[in-house]
C-alpha atoms as a PDB file:
ATOM      1  CA  MET A   1      96.649 -54.059 -68.150  1.00  0.00           C
ATOM      2  CA  MET A   2     100.198 -55.407 -68.029  1.00  0.00           C
ATOM      3  CA  GLY A   3     101.592 -56.553 -71.357  1.00  0.00           C
ATOM      4  CA  ALA A   4      98.612 -55.321 -73.385  1.00  0.00           C
ATOM      5  CA  GLU A   5     100.293 -52.276 -74.867  1.00  0.00           C
ATOM      6  CA  ALA A   6     102.555 -52.592 -77.907  1.00  0.00           C
ATOM      7  CA  ASP A   7     106.247 -51.943 -77.328  1.00  0.00           C
ATOM      8  CA  PRO A   8     107.751 -49.782 -80.104  1.00  0.00           C
ATOM      9  CA  SER A   9     111.239 -51.164 -79.399  1.00  0.00           C
ATOM     10  CA  SER A  10     112.937 -53.386 -81.925  1.00  0.00           C
ATOM     11  CA  GLY A  11     116.301 -55.063 -82.275  1.00  0.00           C
ATOM     12  CA  ILE A  12     118.812 -54.726 -79.476  1.00  0.00           C
ATOM     13  CA  SER A  13     116.702 -52.117 -77.719  1.00  0.00           C
ATOM     14  CA  ALA A  14     113.943 -54.715 -77.300  1.00  0.00           C
ATOM     15  CA  TYR A  15     116.343 -57.008 -75.432  1.00  0.00           C
ATOM     16  CA  LEU A  16     117.538 -54.108 -73.289  1.00  0.00           C
ATOM     17  CA  THR A  17     113.918 -53.265 -72.514  1.00  0.00           C
ATOM     18  CA  ILE A  18     113.319 -56.816 -71.320  1.00  0.00           C
ATOM     19  CA  LEU A  19     116.388 -56.714 -69.087  1.00  0.00           C
ATOM     20  CA  THR A  20     115.792 -53.244 -67.648  1.00  0.00           C
ATOM     21  CA  HIS A  21     112.021 -53.082 -67.023  1.00  0.00           C
ATOM     22  CA  ARG A  22     110.878 -54.862 -63.884  1.00  0.00           C
ATOM     23  CA  GLN A  23     107.601 -56.260 -65.272  1.00  0.00           C
ATOM     24  CA  TYR A  24     109.358 -57.889 -68.234  1.00  0.00           C
ATOM     25  CA  LEU A  25     112.140 -59.268 -66.067  1.00  0.00           C
ATOM     26  CA  ILE A  26     109.664 -60.792 -63.606  1.00  0.00           C
ATOM     27  CA  SER A  27     107.746 -62.358 -66.489  1.00  0.00           C
ATOM     28  CA  LEU A  28     110.968 -63.778 -67.958  1.00  0.00           C
ATOM     29  CA  ALA A  29     112.077 -65.180 -64.590  1.00  0.00           C
ATOM     30  CA  THR A  30     108.666 -66.745 -64.001  1.00  0.00           C
ATOM     31  CA  THR A  31     108.680 -68.364 -67.439  1.00  0.00           C
ATOM     32  CA  VAL A  32     112.203 -69.763 -67.044  1.00  0.00           C
ATOM     33  CA  GLY A  33     111.472 -71.005 -63.517  1.00  0.00           C
ATOM     34  CA  LEU A  34     108.265 -72.711 -64.578  1.00  0.00           C
ATOM     35  CA  SER A  35     109.972 -74.384 -67.525  1.00  0.00           C
ATOM     36  CA  LEU A  36     112.733 -75.701 -65.245  1.00  0.00           C
ATOM     37  CA  VAL A  37     110.215 -77.125 -62.771  1.00  0.00           C
ATOM     38  CA  VAL A  38     108.200 -78.790 -65.547  1.00  0.00           C
ATOM     39  CA  SER A  39     111.380 -80.244 -67.076  1.00  0.00           C
ATOM     40  CA  LEU A  40     112.558 -81.661 -63.751  1.00  0.00           C
ATOM     41  CA  VAL A  41     109.155 -83.217 -63.043  1.00  0.00           C
ATOM     42  CA  ALA A  42     109.090 -84.783 -66.527  1.00  0.00           C
ATOM     43  CA  VAL A  43     112.593 -86.227 -66.036  1.00  0.00           C
ATOM     44  CA  ALA A  44     111.607 -87.624 -62.626  1.00  0.00           C
ATOM     45  CA  ILE A  45     108.460 -89.274 -64.008  1.00  0.00           C
ATOM     46  CA  ALA A  46     110.347 -90.694 -66.997  1.00  0.00           C
ATOM     47  CA  GLY A  47     113.110 -91.988 -64.711  1.00  0.00           C
ATOM     48  CA  ILE A  48     110.648 -93.774 -62.444  1.00  0.00           C
ATOM     49  CA  ALA A  49     108.773 -95.250 -65.406  1.00  0.00           C
ATOM     50  CA  GLY A  50     112.022 -96.313 -67.089  1.00  0.00           C
ATOM     51  CA  PHE A  51     113.315 -97.945 -63.916  1.00  0.00           C
ATOM     52  CA  PHE A  52     110.028 -99.805 -63.480  1.00  0.00           C
ATOM     53  CA  LEU A  53     109.878-100.972 -67.098  1.00  0.00           C
ATOM     54  CA  ALA A  54     113.529-102.077 -67.096  1.00  0.00           C
ATOM     55  CA  ARG A  55     112.886-104.368 -64.120  1.00  0.00           C
ATOM     56  CA  GLN A  56     109.707-105.991 -65.453  1.00  0.00           C
ATOM     57  CA  ARG A  57     109.557-109.206 -67.430  1.00  0.00           C
ATOM     58  CA  PHE A  58     107.373-109.249 -70.512  1.00  0.00           C
ATOM     59  CA  LEU A  59     106.125-112.173 -72.559  1.00  0.00           C
ATOM     60  CA  ALA A  60     108.061-111.060 -75.626  1.00  0.00           C
ATOM     61  CA  ASN A  61     111.270-110.471 -73.641  1.00  0.00           C
ATOM     62  CA  PRO A  62     112.471-113.643 -71.839  1.00  0.00           C
ATOM     63  CA  TYR A  63     115.588-112.015 -70.340  1.00  0.00           C
END
């Protein structure tokens, strides 16, 4: 099972392990890619909602 075994590395060697072993590098790339996609979707949704709310007139805001 991938990722189930404990890695005895610590310190700098742990970072080198992440950058040199394919399974860790793929996992890191997948995590970073997913976080970028989620961030971009959140910004797009917030931008659309902000644009909509900025153009609407509310009872408390007569401008």
